[in-house]
């Protein structure tokens, strides 16, 4: 029963993560997205659906730093995050940061597998970013940008109609909202 409950919880997490990452980027402020991002400078290219960025090991670090500039121009605090798909995490791990002496860490990310932080961003990996033909909608920002609430509203056990034992089912409701669009950014990119 514990294994099924754990698996059910993981499936809920994946479904919610996918829903949020597929939709929340639409709440990003217009100055935090597109080919002319940056409230003050307007000189940061975060990609568009028609012209997505191609992130390689040569440019991914610079691109993340430029995403930081976009948030800096909106005076967003430094405890930031970015959510990247696995292929882009690989680009970071094979960039110049693979040399521990460049990042100042005691151990290379190739040895410990952790990407960690880059330019005030905590880097998260998710296979649930919205993707269309290899082009991902990537979100970045600060936790003050969004809110999320979830609750299990109903839980019941019932007899398994196909086997011995009982089944457990529950109803979970959740919601999310962008509260501060200037603290949320949207990048459109593909792995190169």
N, C-alpha and C. Protein backbone atom coordinates (compact mmCIF):
# COMPACT_ATOMS: atom_id res chain seq x y z
N UNK A 1 0.82 -1.20 0.00
CA UNK A 1 0.00 0.00 0.00
C UNK A 1 0.87 1.27 0.00
N UNK A 2 1.97 1.22 0.77
CA UNK A 2 2.85 2.39 0.83
C UNK A 2 3.48 2.68 -0.53
N UNK A 3 3.85 1.64 -1.27
CA UNK A 3 4.44 1.84 -2.59
C UNK A 3 3.44 2.50 -3.54
N UNK A 4 2.18 2.05 -3.48
CA UNK A 4 1.16 2.64 -4.35
C UNK A 4 0.88 4.08 -3.95
N UNK A 5 0.88 4.36 -2.65
CA UNK A 5 0.65 5.73 -2.19
C UNK A 5 1.79 6.64 -2.64
N UNK A 6 3.03 6.14 -2.52
CA UNK A 6 4.18 6.92 -2.96
C UNK A 6 4.11 7.19 -4.46
N UNK A 7 3.77 6.16 -5.23
CA UNK A 7 3.64 6.33 -6.67
C UNK A 7 2.51 7.31 -7.01
N UNK A 8 1.40 7.20 -6.31
CA UNK A 8 0.29 8.13 -6.55
C UNK A 8 0.68 9.57 -6.26
N UNK A 9 1.44 9.77 -5.17
CA UNK A 9 1.92 11.11 -4.84
C UNK A 9 2.86 11.65 -5.91
N UNK A 10 3.71 10.79 -6.44
CA UNK A 10 4.64 11.20 -7.50
C UNK A 10 3.87 11.56 -8.77
N UNK A 11 2.86 10.78 -9.11
CA UNK A 11 2.05 11.08 -10.30
C UNK A 11 1.30 12.40 -10.14
N UNK A 12 0.80 12.69 -8.93
CA UNK A 12 0.16 13.98 -8.67
C UNK A 12 1.15 15.12 -8.86
N UNK A 13 2.35 14.94 -8.31
CA UNK A 13 3.38 15.97 -8.43
C UNK A 13 3.71 16.25 -9.89
N UNK A 14 3.84 15.22 -10.69
CA UNK A 14 4.17 15.38 -12.11
C UNK A 14 3.03 16.10 -12.83
N UNK A 15 1.79 15.72 -12.54
CA UNK A 15 0.64 16.35 -13.20
C UNK A 15 0.53 17.83 -12.83
N UNK A 16 0.70 18.16 -11.56
CA UNK A 16 0.61 19.55 -11.13
C UNK A 16 1.77 20.36 -11.69
N UNK A 17 2.98 19.82 -11.61
CA UNK A 17 4.15 20.48 -12.15
C UNK A 17 3.97 20.78 -13.63
N UNK A 18 3.48 19.80 -14.38
CA UNK A 18 3.25 20.00 -15.81
C UNK A 18 2.22 21.07 -16.10
N UNK A 19 1.14 21.08 -15.31
CA UNK A 19 0.09 22.09 -15.51
C UNK A 19 0.63 23.49 -15.23
N UNK A 20 1.33 23.64 -14.14
CA UNK A 20 1.85 24.96 -13.78
C UNK A 20 2.88 25.44 -14.81
N UNK A 21 3.84 24.58 -15.14
CA UNK A 21 4.89 25.00 -16.07
C UNK A 21 4.36 25.24 -17.49
N UNK A 22 3.24 24.62 -17.83
CA UNK A 22 2.67 24.81 -19.16
C UNK A 22 1.86 26.09 -19.27
N UNK A 23 1.50 26.70 -18.15
CA UNK A 23 0.59 27.83 -18.21
C UNK A 23 1.05 29.09 -17.50
N UNK A 24 1.86 28.97 -16.47
CA UNK A 24 2.15 30.12 -15.62
C UNK A 24 3.00 31.19 -16.32
N UNK A 25 3.77 30.79 -17.32
CA UNK A 25 4.64 31.77 -18.00
C UNK A 25 3.84 32.87 -18.67
N UNK A 26 2.56 32.62 -18.96
CA UNK A 26 1.74 33.66 -19.60
C UNK A 26 1.51 34.86 -18.68
N UNK A 27 1.78 34.70 -17.39
CA UNK A 27 1.62 35.80 -16.44
C UNK A 27 2.85 36.68 -16.30
N UNK A 28 3.92 36.34 -17.00
CA UNK A 28 5.14 37.15 -16.93
C UNK A 28 4.89 38.52 -17.54
N UNK A 29 5.46 39.54 -16.94
CA UNK A 29 5.34 40.90 -17.45
C UNK A 29 5.95 40.97 -18.86
N UNK A 30 5.39 41.79 -19.71
CA UNK A 30 5.87 41.88 -21.10
C UNK A 30 7.32 42.32 -21.20
N UNK A 31 7.81 43.03 -20.18
CA UNK A 31 9.22 43.44 -20.20
C UNK A 31 10.15 42.30 -19.77
N UNK A 32 9.59 41.18 -19.37
CA UNK A 32 10.38 40.03 -18.92
C UNK A 32 10.32 38.87 -19.92
N UNK A 33 9.99 39.15 -21.15
CA UNK A 33 9.86 38.11 -22.16
C UNK A 33 10.13 38.71 -23.54
N UNK A 34 10.41 37.84 -24.50
CA UNK A 34 10.55 38.27 -25.88
C UNK A 34 11.96 38.67 -26.28
N UNK A 35 12.06 39.15 -27.49
CA UNK A 35 13.36 39.50 -28.07
C UNK A 35 13.91 40.83 -27.56
N UNK A 36 13.06 41.64 -26.91
CA UNK A 36 13.50 42.95 -26.41
C UNK A 36 13.20 43.09 -24.92
N UNK A 37 13.56 42.07 -24.15
CA UNK A 37 13.27 42.08 -22.72
C UNK A 37 14.19 43.05 -21.99
N UNK A 38 13.74 43.44 -20.82
CA UNK A 38 14.49 44.39 -19.99
C UNK A 38 13.71 45.68 -19.88
N UNK A 39 13.19 45.96 -18.68
CA UNK A 39 12.34 47.15 -18.50
C UNK A 39 13.10 48.43 -18.80
N UNK A 40 14.38 48.48 -18.49
CA UNK A 40 15.18 49.69 -18.73
C UNK A 40 15.92 49.62 -20.05
N UNK A 41 16.63 48.52 -20.27
CA UNK A 41 17.50 48.43 -21.46
C UNK A 41 16.78 47.96 -22.71
N UNK A 42 15.87 47.02 -22.57
CA UNK A 42 15.20 46.44 -23.74
C UNK A 42 16.15 45.72 -24.68
N UNK A 43 17.31 45.30 -24.17
CA UNK A 43 18.33 44.71 -25.05
C UNK A 43 18.61 43.22 -24.78
N UNK A 44 17.72 42.54 -24.06
CA UNK A 44 17.94 41.13 -23.74
C UNK A 44 17.02 40.28 -24.59
N UNK A 45 17.60 39.37 -25.34
CA UNK A 45 16.81 38.47 -26.17
C UNK A 45 16.53 37.18 -25.38
N UNK A 46 15.26 36.98 -25.00
CA UNK A 46 14.85 35.77 -24.30
C UNK A 46 14.13 34.80 -25.23
N UNK A 47 14.14 35.09 -26.52
CA UNK A 47 13.53 34.20 -27.50
C UNK A 47 12.04 34.40 -27.63
N UNK A 48 11.53 34.00 -28.78
CA UNK A 48 10.09 34.05 -29.05
C UNK A 48 9.71 32.72 -29.69
N UNK A 49 8.41 32.49 -29.82
CA UNK A 49 7.96 31.26 -30.48
C UNK A 49 8.44 31.22 -31.92
N UNK A 50 8.47 32.37 -32.58
CA UNK A 50 8.92 32.43 -33.97
C UNK A 50 10.44 32.34 -34.11
N UNK A 51 11.16 32.79 -33.08
CA UNK A 51 12.63 32.78 -33.12
C UNK A 51 13.18 32.38 -31.75
N UNK A 52 13.10 31.09 -31.41
CA UNK A 52 13.59 30.66 -30.09
C UNK A 52 15.11 30.75 -30.00
N UNK A 53 15.59 30.92 -28.78
CA UNK A 53 17.03 30.89 -28.55
C UNK A 53 17.52 29.45 -28.71
N UNK A 54 18.74 29.28 -29.14
CA UNK A 54 19.38 27.97 -29.15
C UNK A 54 20.46 28.02 -28.09
N UNK A 55 20.26 27.24 -27.03
CA UNK A 55 21.20 27.24 -25.91
C UNK A 55 22.23 26.13 -26.08
N UNK A 56 23.48 26.53 -26.08
CA UNK A 56 24.60 25.60 -26.21
C UNK A 56 25.48 25.73 -24.97
N UNK A 57 26.47 24.86 -24.86
CA UNK A 57 27.38 24.97 -23.72
C UNK A 57 28.18 26.27 -23.78
N UNK A 58 28.30 26.87 -24.95
CA UNK A 58 29.05 28.12 -25.09
C UNK A 58 28.26 29.35 -24.65
N UNK A 59 26.90 29.30 -24.72
CA UNK A 59 26.14 30.52 -24.42
C UNK A 59 25.14 30.39 -23.27
N UNK A 60 24.97 29.21 -22.69
CA UNK A 60 23.92 29.05 -21.69
C UNK A 60 24.19 29.84 -20.42
N UNK A 61 25.43 29.93 -19.99
CA UNK A 61 25.75 30.69 -18.78
C UNK A 61 25.46 32.17 -19.02
N UNK A 62 25.87 32.71 -20.15
CA UNK A 62 25.60 34.12 -20.47
C UNK A 62 24.09 34.38 -20.55
N UNK A 63 23.34 33.45 -21.10
CA UNK A 63 21.89 33.62 -21.22
C UNK A 63 21.23 33.68 -19.85
N UNK A 64 21.68 32.84 -18.93
CA UNK A 64 21.11 32.86 -17.56
C UNK A 64 21.48 34.17 -16.87
N UNK A 65 22.69 34.65 -17.06
CA UNK A 65 23.09 35.93 -16.48
C UNK A 65 22.23 37.06 -17.05
N UNK A 66 21.93 37.02 -18.34
CA UNK A 66 21.06 38.04 -18.94
C UNK A 66 19.63 37.96 -18.39
N UNK A 67 19.15 36.76 -18.08
CA UNK A 67 17.84 36.63 -17.43
C UNK A 67 17.89 37.32 -16.07
N UNK A 68 19.03 37.22 -15.39
CA UNK A 68 19.20 37.94 -14.13
C UNK A 68 19.14 39.44 -14.32
N UNK A 69 19.69 39.92 -15.42
CA UNK A 69 19.63 41.36 -15.72
C UNK A 69 18.18 41.81 -15.86
N UNK A 70 17.36 41.00 -16.51
CA UNK A 70 15.94 41.34 -16.69
C UNK A 70 15.27 41.53 -15.34
N UNK A 71 15.55 40.63 -14.40
CA UNK A 71 14.97 40.76 -13.06
C UNK A 71 15.59 41.93 -12.30
N UNK A 72 16.89 42.16 -12.50
CA UNK A 72 17.55 43.31 -11.86
C UNK A 72 16.89 44.62 -12.27
N UNK A 73 16.52 44.74 -13.53
CA UNK A 73 15.92 45.98 -14.02
C UNK A 73 14.51 46.20 -13.45
N UNK A 74 13.94 45.19 -12.81
CA UNK A 74 12.66 45.33 -12.12
C UNK A 74 12.83 45.33 -10.60
N UNK A 75 14.09 45.44 -10.14
CA UNK A 75 14.40 45.49 -8.71
C UNK A 75 13.88 44.28 -7.94
N UNK A 76 14.03 43.10 -8.52
CA UNK A 76 13.57 41.86 -7.90
C UNK A 76 14.66 41.34 -6.97
N UNK A 77 14.30 40.89 -5.76
CA UNK A 77 15.30 40.37 -4.81
C UNK A 77 16.11 39.22 -5.38
N UNK A 78 17.18 38.87 -4.70
CA UNK A 78 18.17 37.94 -5.24
C UNK A 78 17.87 36.46 -5.07
N UNK A 79 16.94 36.04 -4.26
CA UNK A 79 16.64 34.62 -4.06
C UNK A 79 15.77 34.15 -5.22
N UNK A 80 16.41 33.80 -6.33
CA UNK A 80 15.72 33.54 -7.60
C UNK A 80 15.81 32.08 -8.00
N UNK A 81 14.99 31.70 -8.97
CA UNK A 81 15.00 30.33 -9.49
C UNK A 81 14.88 30.36 -11.00
N UNK A 82 15.29 29.27 -11.63
CA UNK A 82 15.06 29.03 -13.05
C UNK A 82 14.80 27.54 -13.19
N UNK A 83 13.84 27.19 -14.04
CA UNK A 83 13.47 25.79 -14.25
C UNK A 83 13.87 25.41 -15.68
N UNK A 84 14.76 24.43 -15.80
CA UNK A 84 15.29 24.02 -17.10
C UNK A 84 15.04 22.54 -17.35
N UNK A 85 14.84 22.17 -18.61
CA UNK A 85 14.73 20.75 -18.94
C UNK A 85 16.10 20.08 -18.88
N UNK A 86 16.09 18.75 -18.86
CA UNK A 86 17.33 17.97 -18.70
C UNK A 86 18.39 18.31 -19.75
N UNK A 87 17.99 18.50 -21.00
CA UNK A 87 18.97 18.78 -22.06
C UNK A 87 19.72 20.08 -21.79
N UNK A 88 19.06 21.07 -21.21
CA UNK A 88 19.73 22.34 -20.92
C UNK A 88 20.59 22.25 -19.67
N UNK A 89 20.20 21.40 -18.74
CA UNK A 89 21.05 21.14 -17.57
C UNK A 89 22.36 20.52 -18.05
N UNK A 90 22.27 19.63 -19.03
CA UNK A 90 23.48 19.02 -19.61
C UNK A 90 24.37 20.09 -20.22
N UNK A 91 23.78 21.09 -20.88
CA UNK A 91 24.59 22.17 -21.48
C UNK A 91 25.35 22.93 -20.40
N UNK A 92 24.71 23.14 -19.24
CA UNK A 92 25.41 23.82 -18.14
C UNK A 92 26.56 22.95 -17.64
N UNK A 93 26.29 21.66 -17.46
CA UNK A 93 27.32 20.76 -16.93
C UNK A 93 28.51 20.60 -17.87
N UNK A 94 28.31 20.82 -19.16
CA UNK A 94 29.42 20.71 -20.11
C UNK A 94 30.00 22.07 -20.48
N UNK A 95 29.48 23.14 -19.89
CA UNK A 95 30.01 24.48 -20.15
C UNK A 95 31.32 24.67 -19.38
N UNK A 96 31.83 25.90 -19.41
CA UNK A 96 33.08 26.18 -18.69
C UNK A 96 32.93 25.95 -17.19
N UNK A 97 31.71 25.85 -16.70
CA UNK A 97 31.50 25.62 -15.26
C UNK A 97 31.84 24.21 -14.82
N UNK A 98 32.10 23.31 -15.77
CA UNK A 98 32.48 21.95 -15.37
C UNK A 98 33.82 21.95 -14.64
N UNK A 99 34.62 22.98 -14.86
CA UNK A 99 35.88 23.15 -14.15
C UNK A 99 35.57 23.81 -12.81
N UNK A 100 35.76 23.06 -11.73
CA UNK A 100 35.41 23.56 -10.39
C UNK A 100 36.15 24.84 -10.03
N UNK A 101 37.35 25.05 -10.56
CA UNK A 101 38.10 26.26 -10.23
C UNK A 101 37.45 27.51 -10.82
N UNK A 102 36.69 27.35 -11.91
CA UNK A 102 36.00 28.50 -12.51
C UNK A 102 34.84 28.94 -11.63
N UNK A 103 34.08 27.95 -11.11
CA UNK A 103 32.89 28.27 -10.31
C UNK A 103 33.23 28.55 -8.86
N UNK A 104 34.44 28.20 -8.43
CA UNK A 104 34.82 28.42 -7.04
C UNK A 104 34.33 27.32 -6.11
N UNK A 105 33.69 26.30 -6.65
CA UNK A 105 33.23 25.19 -5.84
C UNK A 105 34.40 24.24 -5.55
N UNK A 106 34.24 23.46 -4.49
CA UNK A 106 35.27 22.51 -4.13
C UNK A 106 35.28 21.27 -4.99
N UNK A 107 34.18 21.03 -5.70
CA UNK A 107 34.07 19.82 -6.51
C UNK A 107 33.29 20.14 -7.78
N UNK A 108 33.70 19.55 -8.88
CA UNK A 108 33.05 19.77 -10.16
C UNK A 108 31.63 19.23 -10.15
N UNK A 109 30.71 19.91 -10.84
CA UNK A 109 29.33 19.42 -10.94
C UNK A 109 29.27 18.11 -11.71
N UNK A 110 30.28 17.81 -12.50
CA UNK A 110 30.33 16.52 -13.18
C UNK A 110 30.58 15.39 -12.19
N UNK A 111 31.23 15.69 -11.07
CA UNK A 111 31.51 14.67 -10.07
C UNK A 111 30.35 14.51 -9.10
N UNK A 112 29.70 15.61 -8.70
CA UNK A 112 28.64 15.48 -7.69
C UNK A 112 27.24 15.52 -8.29
N UNK A 113 27.09 15.89 -9.57
CA UNK A 113 25.78 15.87 -10.22
C UNK A 113 24.87 17.04 -9.89
N UNK A 114 25.30 17.94 -9.02
CA UNK A 114 24.46 19.07 -8.62
C UNK A 114 24.85 20.32 -9.40
N UNK A 115 23.88 20.97 -9.98
CA UNK A 115 24.17 22.21 -10.69
C UNK A 115 24.20 23.36 -9.69
N UNK A 116 23.26 23.40 -8.77
CA UNK A 116 23.28 24.40 -7.70
C UNK A 116 22.81 25.77 -8.11
N UNK A 117 23.67 26.77 -7.91
CA UNK A 117 23.29 28.16 -8.16
C UNK A 117 24.19 28.78 -9.22
N UNK A 118 23.60 29.72 -9.94
CA UNK A 118 24.33 30.46 -10.95
C UNK A 118 23.73 31.86 -11.00
N UNK A 119 24.54 32.88 -10.81
CA UNK A 119 24.11 34.28 -10.82
C UNK A 119 22.81 34.48 -10.02
N UNK A 120 22.80 34.08 -8.78
CA UNK A 120 21.68 34.28 -7.85
C UNK A 120 20.45 33.43 -8.17
N UNK A 121 20.55 32.54 -9.17
CA UNK A 121 19.47 31.62 -9.50
C UNK A 121 19.75 30.24 -8.89
N UNK A 122 18.77 29.69 -8.22
CA UNK A 122 18.81 28.27 -7.90
C UNK A 122 18.26 27.56 -9.13
N UNK A 123 19.00 26.60 -9.63
CA UNK A 123 18.62 25.94 -10.89
C UNK A 123 17.88 24.65 -10.58
N UNK A 124 16.66 24.55 -11.10
CA UNK A 124 15.85 23.35 -10.94
C UNK A 124 15.71 22.66 -12.29
N UNK A 125 15.67 21.33 -12.25
CA UNK A 125 15.45 20.57 -13.46
C UNK A 125 14.06 19.97 -13.43
N UNK A 126 13.35 20.07 -14.55
CA UNK A 126 12.03 19.45 -14.67
C UNK A 126 11.84 18.97 -16.10
N UNK A 127 11.29 17.78 -16.23
CA UNK A 127 10.93 17.26 -17.54
C UNK A 127 9.53 17.69 -17.93
N UNK A 128 8.94 18.60 -17.16
CA UNK A 128 7.56 19.01 -17.39
C UNK A 128 7.42 20.42 -17.93
N UNK A 129 8.51 21.03 -18.41
CA UNK A 129 8.37 22.34 -19.02
C UNK A 129 7.53 22.20 -20.29
N UNK A 130 6.78 23.22 -20.62
CA UNK A 130 5.98 23.17 -21.84
C UNK A 130 6.92 23.08 -23.03
N UNK A 131 6.68 22.13 -23.92
CA UNK A 131 7.57 21.92 -25.05
C UNK A 131 6.76 21.64 -26.31
N UNK A 132 7.20 22.23 -27.41
CA UNK A 132 6.57 22.00 -28.71
C UNK A 132 7.68 21.87 -29.73
N UNK A 133 7.83 20.70 -30.31
CA UNK A 133 8.86 20.42 -31.32
C UNK A 133 10.27 20.79 -30.83
N UNK A 134 10.55 20.47 -29.56
CA UNK A 134 11.88 20.72 -29.01
C UNK A 134 12.10 22.12 -28.48
N UNK A 135 11.11 22.99 -28.59
CA UNK A 135 11.22 24.37 -28.10
C UNK A 135 10.49 24.45 -26.75
N UNK A 136 11.21 24.88 -25.71
CA UNK A 136 10.70 24.89 -24.35
C UNK A 136 10.31 26.30 -23.91
N UNK A 137 9.24 26.37 -23.13
CA UNK A 137 8.88 27.59 -22.42
C UNK A 137 9.50 27.47 -21.04
N UNK A 138 10.47 28.31 -20.76
CA UNK A 138 11.23 28.24 -19.51
C UNK A 138 10.83 29.42 -18.64
N UNK A 139 10.57 29.11 -17.36
CA UNK A 139 10.25 30.19 -16.44
C UNK A 139 11.44 30.44 -15.52
N UNK A 140 11.54 31.69 -15.08
CA UNK A 140 12.52 32.08 -14.08
C UNK A 140 11.92 33.22 -13.30
N UNK A 141 12.42 33.43 -12.10
CA UNK A 141 11.89 34.54 -11.32
C UNK A 141 12.19 34.43 -9.85
N UNK A 142 11.30 35.00 -9.07
CA UNK A 142 11.40 35.03 -7.61
C UNK A 142 10.12 34.47 -7.04
N UNK A 143 10.21 33.87 -5.85
CA UNK A 143 9.02 33.23 -5.26
C UNK A 143 7.88 34.21 -4.99
N UNK A 144 8.15 35.51 -4.90
CA UNK A 144 7.08 36.48 -4.68
C UNK A 144 6.19 36.64 -5.91
N UNK A 145 6.60 36.08 -7.05
CA UNK A 145 5.83 36.23 -8.29
C UNK A 145 4.54 35.41 -8.28
N UNK A 146 4.55 34.28 -7.61
CA UNK A 146 3.43 33.35 -7.72
C UNK A 146 2.96 32.87 -6.36
N UNK A 147 1.76 32.30 -6.37
CA UNK A 147 1.21 31.66 -5.19
C UNK A 147 0.63 30.32 -5.61
N UNK A 148 0.62 29.38 -4.67
CA UNK A 148 0.12 28.04 -4.94
C UNK A 148 -0.54 27.51 -3.67
N UNK A 149 -1.68 26.84 -3.83
CA UNK A 149 -2.35 26.19 -2.71
C UNK A 149 -2.91 24.86 -3.18
N UNK A 150 -2.85 23.87 -2.30
CA UNK A 150 -3.37 22.54 -2.62
C UNK A 150 -3.97 21.92 -1.37
N UNK A 151 -4.97 21.08 -1.58
CA UNK A 151 -5.60 20.40 -0.44
C UNK A 151 -6.22 19.09 -0.91
N UNK A 152 -6.07 18.05 -0.09
CA UNK A 152 -6.80 16.81 -0.32
C UNK A 152 -8.17 17.01 0.30
N UNK A 153 -9.20 17.05 -0.52
CA UNK A 153 -10.52 17.37 -0.02
C UNK A 153 -11.34 16.12 0.33
N UNK A 154 -10.96 15.00 -0.24
CA UNK A 154 -11.72 13.79 0.01
C UNK A 154 -10.80 12.59 -0.13
N UNK A 155 -10.94 11.65 0.77
CA UNK A 155 -10.16 10.42 0.70
C UNK A 155 -11.06 9.28 1.16
N UNK A 156 -11.02 8.18 0.43
CA UNK A 156 -11.85 7.05 0.79
C UNK A 156 -11.18 5.75 0.40
N UNK A 157 -11.55 4.69 1.10
CA UNK A 157 -11.09 3.36 0.73
C UNK A 157 -12.28 2.61 0.15
N UNK A 158 -11.98 1.71 -0.75
CA UNK A 158 -13.03 0.91 -1.37
C UNK A 158 -12.46 -0.45 -1.72
N UNK A 159 -13.31 -1.43 -1.85
CA UNK A 159 -12.88 -2.78 -2.21
C UNK A 159 -12.39 -2.79 -3.64
N UNK A 160 -11.29 -3.49 -3.88
CA UNK A 160 -10.75 -3.65 -5.21
C UNK A 160 -11.64 -4.62 -5.99
N UNK A 161 -12.28 -4.17 -7.08
CA UNK A 161 -13.19 -5.05 -7.81
C UNK A 161 -12.48 -6.14 -8.62
N UNK A 162 -11.16 -5.98 -8.84
CA UNK A 162 -10.43 -6.92 -9.68
C UNK A 162 -9.49 -7.85 -8.92
N UNK A 163 -9.36 -7.64 -7.61
CA UNK A 163 -8.39 -8.43 -6.86
C UNK A 163 -8.76 -8.36 -5.38
N UNK A 164 -7.98 -9.03 -4.53
CA UNK A 164 -8.18 -8.95 -3.10
C UNK A 164 -7.65 -7.62 -2.59
N UNK A 165 -8.16 -7.17 -1.47
CA UNK A 165 -7.65 -5.97 -0.84
C UNK A 165 -8.50 -4.75 -1.11
N UNK A 166 -7.98 -3.64 -0.65
CA UNK A 166 -8.67 -2.36 -0.75
C UNK A 166 -7.90 -1.40 -1.64
N UNK A 167 -8.62 -0.45 -2.18
CA UNK A 167 -8.03 0.66 -2.94
C UNK A 167 -8.25 1.94 -2.15
N UNK A 168 -7.37 2.87 -2.33
CA UNK A 168 -7.53 4.19 -1.72
C UNK A 168 -7.58 5.19 -2.85
N UNK A 169 -8.53 6.08 -2.79
CA UNK A 169 -8.58 7.15 -3.78
C UNK A 169 -8.85 8.45 -3.04
N UNK A 170 -8.37 9.51 -3.66
CA UNK A 170 -8.54 10.82 -3.03
C UNK A 170 -8.73 11.87 -4.11
N UNK A 171 -9.27 12.98 -3.69
CA UNK A 171 -9.48 14.12 -4.58
C UNK A 171 -8.61 15.26 -4.07
N UNK A 172 -7.73 15.72 -4.94
CA UNK A 172 -6.87 16.85 -4.60
C UNK A 172 -7.26 18.02 -5.47
N UNK A 173 -7.44 19.16 -4.84
CA UNK A 173 -7.72 20.40 -5.58
C UNK A 173 -6.53 21.34 -5.35
N UNK A 174 -6.21 22.12 -6.36
CA UNK A 174 -5.10 23.05 -6.24
C UNK A 174 -5.36 24.25 -7.14
N UNK A 175 -4.62 25.28 -6.88
CA UNK A 175 -4.70 26.47 -7.71
C UNK A 175 -3.41 27.25 -7.62
N UNK A 176 -3.16 28.07 -8.61
CA UNK A 176 -1.96 28.90 -8.64
C UNK A 176 -2.30 30.19 -9.34
N UNK A 177 -1.53 31.20 -9.06
CA UNK A 177 -1.79 32.52 -9.63
C UNK A 177 -0.48 33.30 -9.69
N UNK A 178 -0.34 34.11 -10.70
CA UNK A 178 0.78 35.05 -10.78
C UNK A 178 0.34 36.31 -10.06
N UNK A 179 1.05 36.66 -9.00
CA UNK A 179 0.72 37.86 -8.22
C UNK A 179 1.52 39.08 -8.66
N UNK A 180 2.75 38.83 -9.11
CA UNK A 180 3.64 39.93 -9.47
C UNK A 180 4.38 39.55 -10.75
N UNK A 181 3.82 39.95 -11.88
CA UNK A 181 4.38 39.59 -13.18
C UNK A 181 5.78 40.11 -13.42
N UNK A 182 6.16 41.20 -12.74
CA UNK A 182 7.51 41.74 -12.92
C UNK A 182 8.57 40.85 -12.27
N UNK A 183 8.14 39.92 -11.40
CA UNK A 183 9.08 39.01 -10.74
C UNK A 183 9.12 37.65 -11.43
N UNK A 184 8.46 37.53 -12.58
CA UNK A 184 8.42 36.28 -13.33
C UNK A 184 8.90 36.53 -14.75
N UNK A 185 9.80 35.69 -15.24
CA UNK A 185 10.31 35.83 -16.60
C UNK A 185 9.99 34.61 -17.43
N UNK A 186 9.99 34.79 -18.75
CA UNK A 186 9.67 33.73 -19.70
C UNK A 186 10.71 33.73 -20.80
N UNK A 187 11.36 32.57 -20.96
CA UNK A 187 12.35 32.39 -22.01
C UNK A 187 11.85 31.30 -22.95
N UNK A 188 12.04 31.46 -24.24
CA UNK A 188 11.68 30.44 -25.22
C UNK A 188 12.98 29.95 -25.85
N UNK A 189 13.29 28.66 -25.64
CA UNK A 189 14.61 28.18 -26.06
C UNK A 189 14.58 26.69 -26.40
N UNK A 190 15.59 26.32 -27.17
CA UNK A 190 15.80 24.91 -27.49
C UNK A 190 17.26 24.58 -27.21
N UNK A 191 17.50 23.31 -26.95
CA UNK A 191 18.88 22.87 -26.71
C UNK A 191 19.60 22.72 -28.04
N UNK A 192 20.79 23.27 -28.13
CA UNK A 192 21.57 23.19 -29.36
C UNK A 192 22.78 22.30 -29.20
